[in-house]
Protein backbone atom coordinates (compact mmCIF):
# COMPACT_ATOMS: atom_id res chain seq x y z
CA MET A 1 0.00 0.00 0.00
CA SER A 2 1.37 3.38 -0.99
CA TYR A 3 0.43 6.15 1.42
CA PRO A 4 1.53 9.65 2.54
CA GLU A 5 5.03 9.62 4.00
CA PHE A 6 3.94 11.13 7.31
CA PHE A 7 2.03 7.92 8.20
CA ASP A 8 5.36 6.31 9.09
CA ARG A 9 6.35 9.26 11.28
CA VAL A 10 3.39 8.74 13.59
CA PRO A 11 4.61 6.87 16.70
CA ARG A 12 3.52 3.27 16.90
CA VAL A 13 1.84 1.42 19.77
CA ARG A 14 3.53 -1.65 21.27
CA LEU A 15 1.14 -3.98 23.07
CA ARG A 16 1.48 -7.29 24.88
CA ASP A 17 -1.18 -9.79 23.83
CA PRO A 18 -1.26 -12.81 26.20
CA LEU A 19 -3.35 -14.80 23.72
CA ALA A 20 -0.84 -14.21 20.92
CA GLU A 21 1.94 -15.35 23.27
CA PHE A 22 -0.01 -18.42 24.41
CA LEU A 23 -0.66 -19.54 20.84
CA GLY A 24 2.82 -18.71 19.58
CA ALA A 25 1.72 -15.93 17.24
CA ALA A 26 4.14 -13.33 18.65
CA GLU A 27 7.31 -13.76 20.70
CA GLY A 28 6.55 -12.56 24.20
CA GLY A 29 3.12 -11.55 22.96
CA LEU A 30 4.54 -8.25 21.76
CA ILE A 31 2.74 -6.72 18.77
CA ASP A 32 3.33 -3.31 17.22
CA TYR A 33 0.49 -1.36 15.64
CA GLY A 34 0.94 1.80 13.60
CA TYR A 35 -1.31 4.41 12.08
CA PRO A 36 -1.25 2.57 8.70
CA ASP A 37 -2.92 -0.39 10.46
CA ALA A 38 -5.79 1.86 11.56
CA VAL A 39 -6.06 3.17 7.99
CA ARG A 40 -6.17 -0.37 6.59
CA LEU A 41 -8.91 -1.27 9.05
CA ALA A 42 -11.03 1.80 8.29
CA GLY A 43 -10.23 1.88 4.57
CA HIS A 44 -9.39 5.58 4.74
CA SER A 45 -7.41 8.22 6.60
CA CYS A 46 -9.34 11.10 8.16
CA PRO A 47 -9.27 13.20 11.34
CA THR A 48 -11.71 10.79 13.01
CA VAL A 49 -9.53 7.72 12.37
CA ALA A 50 -6.42 9.66 13.33
CA GLY A 51 -8.05 10.96 16.48
CA ALA A 52 -9.22 7.49 17.51
CA TYR A 53 -5.78 5.98 16.99
CA TRP A 54 -3.91 8.69 18.87
CA LEU A 55 -6.47 9.01 21.68
CA THR A 56 -6.28 5.27 22.35
CA ARG A 57 -2.49 5.42 22.36
CA GLN A 58 -2.51 8.30 24.82
CA ALA A 59 -5.08 6.65 27.08
CA LEU A 60 -3.10 3.40 27.18
CA ARG A 61 0.07 5.31 28.05
CA ALA A 62 -1.78 7.02 30.88
CA LEU A 63 -2.92 3.63 32.21
CA TYR A 64 0.30 1.64 31.75
CA GLY A 65 3.10 4.20 31.71
CA ASP A 66 6.16 2.87 29.89
CA ALA A 67 5.06 -0.79 30.16
CA PRO A 68 3.39 -2.41 27.13
CA PRO A 69 -0.40 -2.22 27.57
CA GLU A 70 -2.16 -5.57 27.76
CA ARG A 71 -4.26 -6.22 24.67
CA GLY A 72 -7.45 -7.86 25.89
CA GLY A 73 -6.97 -6.32 29.31
CA VAL A 74 -8.77 -3.00 28.77
CA HIS A 75 -12.49 -2.25 28.82
CA ALA A 76 -13.64 0.71 26.70
CA SER A 77 -17.05 2.29 27.23
CA PHE A 78 -18.56 4.89 24.90
CA ARG A 79 -20.96 7.64 25.86
CA ASP A 80 -22.81 7.42 22.54
CA SER A 81 -24.61 4.65 20.70
CA GLN A 82 -22.44 2.65 18.30
CA VAL A 83 -24.59 3.86 15.39
CA ASN A 84 -24.49 7.53 16.38
CA GLY A 85 -22.27 9.78 14.28
CA VAL A 86 -18.72 8.45 13.97
CA THR A 87 -18.83 6.36 17.16
CA GLY A 88 -18.73 3.09 15.22
CA VAL A 89 -15.65 4.15 13.26
CA VAL A 90 -13.90 5.23 16.47
CA ALA A 91 -14.88 2.00 18.23
CA ASN A 92 -13.39 -0.11 15.43
CA VAL A 93 -10.02 1.59 15.86
CA VAL A 94 -10.21 1.30 19.65
CA ALA A 95 -11.02 -2.41 19.27
CA LEU A 96 -8.05 -2.90 16.93
CA LEU A 97 -5.67 -1.69 19.61
CA THR A 98 -7.35 -2.97 22.78
CA GLY A 99 -8.56 -6.28 21.34
CA GLY A 100 -11.98 -5.84 22.93
CA THR A 101 -15.40 -6.56 21.45
CA VAL A 102 -19.00 -6.44 22.63
CA ASP A 103 -19.91 -10.08 21.98
CA THR A 104 -18.20 -11.21 18.76
CA GLY A 105 -14.69 -11.71 20.04
CA PHE A 106 -12.72 -14.79 21.06
CA LYS A 107 -14.55 -16.73 23.77
CA GLY A 108 -11.43 -17.72 25.65
CA LEU A 109 -9.62 -20.87 26.73
CA GLY A 110 -10.05 -22.30 30.21
CA GLY A 111 -11.50 -19.05 31.45
CA ARG A 112 -8.66 -16.95 30.03
CA PHE A 113 -8.30 -14.64 27.00
CA ASP A 114 -12.02 -13.82 26.66
CA ARG A 115 -12.30 -10.78 24.37
CA ARG A 116 -16.06 -10.32 24.76
CA ARG A 117 -17.81 -7.74 26.95
CA LEU A 118 -14.83 -5.37 26.67
CA LEU A 119 -16.71 -2.72 24.68
CA ALA A 120 -19.89 -0.98 25.83
CA PHE A 121 -22.06 1.79 24.41
CA ASP A 122 -24.68 4.27 25.68
CA VAL A 123 -22.87 4.60 28.99
CA ALA A 124 -23.45 7.64 31.22
CA GLN A 125 -20.00 9.18 31.64
CA PRO A 126 -18.43 12.65 31.37
CA LEU A 127 -16.33 12.22 28.21
CA ASP A 128 -16.62 10.25 24.96
CA ILE A 129 -14.67 7.15 26.02
CA ARG A 130 -13.65 5.62 29.33
CA PHE A 131 -10.71 3.20 29.24
CA THR A 132 -10.48 0.89 32.27
CA ARG A 133 -7.80 -1.65 33.14
CA VAL A 134 -9.51 -4.96 33.90
CA ASP A 135 -6.78 -6.04 36.33
CA SER A 136 -6.59 -2.94 38.53
CA GLY A 137 -9.72 -0.93 37.81
CA ASP A 138 -7.62 2.14 36.99
CA ALA A 139 -9.44 4.27 34.44
CA VAL A 140 -9.17 7.40 32.34
CA ASP A 141 -11.85 9.40 30.56
CA ALA A 142 -10.86 10.57 27.10
CA ALA A 143 -12.02 12.62 24.15
CA ALA A 144 -10.51 13.62 20.80
CA GLN A 145 -11.61 17.14 19.88
CA VAL A 146 -10.20 17.35 16.37
CA ARG A 147 -12.45 20.30 15.56
CA HIS A 148 -9.76 22.39 17.24
CA VAL A 149 -7.49 21.61 14.27
CA PRO A 150 -9.16 23.61 11.47
CA ALA A 151 -9.17 22.64 7.84
CA ASP A 152 -7.63 24.85 5.17
CA PRO A 153 -10.35 27.23 3.85
CA GLN A 154 -9.87 25.83 0.33
CA MET A 155 -10.80 22.32 1.39
CA ALA A 156 -14.60 22.59 1.73
CA PRO A 157 -15.25 24.04 -1.75
CA LEU A 158 -12.81 21.60 -3.30
CA MET A 159 -14.54 18.71 -1.53
CA GLN A 160 -17.90 19.86 -2.86
CA ARG A 161 -16.54 19.92 -6.40
CA CYS A 162 -15.02 16.45 -5.96
CA VAL A 163 -18.23 14.98 -4.54
CA ALA A 164 -20.23 16.51 -7.40
CA GLY A 165 -17.81 15.08 -9.95
CA GLU A 166 -16.93 18.55 -11.19
CA ALA A 167 -13.32 18.79 -10.00
CA SER A 168 -10.40 18.81 -12.39
CA ALA A 169 -7.52 16.41 -11.83
CA ASP A 170 -5.49 19.23 -10.24
CA GLU A 171 -8.38 20.19 -7.96
CA ALA A 172 -8.87 16.59 -6.87
CA ARG A 173 -5.15 16.26 -6.15
CA ARG A 174 -5.17 19.49 -4.16
CA PHE A 175 -8.19 18.36 -2.14
CA ARG A 176 -6.44 15.10 -1.20
CA GLU A 177 -3.31 16.99 -0.19
CA LEU A 178 -5.24 19.38 2.05
CA TRP A 179 -7.29 16.56 3.58
CA GLN A 180 -4.24 14.55 4.54
CA ASP A 181 -2.37 17.64 5.70
CA ARG A 182 -5.08 18.17 8.30
CA VAL A 183 -4.66 14.56 9.41
CA ARG A 184 -0.91 15.15 9.65
CA ARG A 185 -1.42 18.22 11.79
CA VAL A 186 -3.78 16.36 14.12
CA LEU A 187 -1.23 13.62 14.72
CA LEU A 188 2.15 15.32 14.50
CA GLU A 189 1.49 18.90 15.54
CA HIS A 190 -1.31 18.46 18.07
CA GLY A 191 -0.62 15.02 19.53
CA ASP A 192 0.32 16.57 22.88
CA ASP A 193 -2.22 19.39 22.73
CA PRO A 194 -4.55 18.99 25.74
CA ALA A 195 -7.24 21.00 23.93
CA VAL A 196 -7.34 18.34 21.19
CA PHE A 197 -6.64 15.14 23.12
CA VAL A 198 -8.26 15.18 26.54
CA ILE A 199 -7.20 12.54 29.08
CA ARG A 200 -8.54 12.69 32.63
CA ARG A 201 -7.77 10.14 35.31
CA VAL A 202 -10.88 8.77 37.02
CA GLU A 203 -10.64 9.12 40.77
CA ARG A 204 -11.75 6.14 42.82
C-alpha cells in the first residue's frame, strides 16, 4: 500500500497480547500497531480515524506508563450509541488496539483470554470514552476534539466539487493533499495538545 510519508512518522503502539503469546503468534506476545494499520482497518485516513488511533495510544500510556499495555486487558465504554455519528468508526479503531469486542470476540480458553464484553455503548460518563484496566480498575476518561485543528479554507469548496464530480484532476489532487495535511497536523502537531486530546484520570 502506498500512502503519505507522514504515516510512518506517527509513533507506533507496542502492546502485549497474552493470547498471541499463548498460541505462539508473537514472541513474548509483543505486537506493534501503527497508524497505517488503523487506515487499513477503516479503509481511509481522516481526522476521526487519526483521532481514535492517537487518543487510544494516549489513554493506554496514561494507564500503563512505559510498560506495554495488555491487549485484551482493557475495557472501553462509549458515551454514545455505536450507530451515532462516527462512534462506530472510532470504536473499530479502539477495538483494533485494545482487542476488545462487545460479543463477537474470542470466547477464551479455560476461562482466560475472553475478548467479549470489553466494549460498551450508551454509557453515562463525562467524556466520549472511558478506558479501564480490567486487572486494577484504573481508568481514564478521554475525548478527541479534532475540531480544534481547522481545515484549510480551500478544502470545503474543493470537496464539494469532488463529490459533485466537477473537480479537475489538479483540484482533486489538491483536495487530497489538504485533507491529509489536516490529518498530519492532528497527529504530528497536536498530539500533545490537551485541547485536542483530553485525558482525565478517574478518581476512585
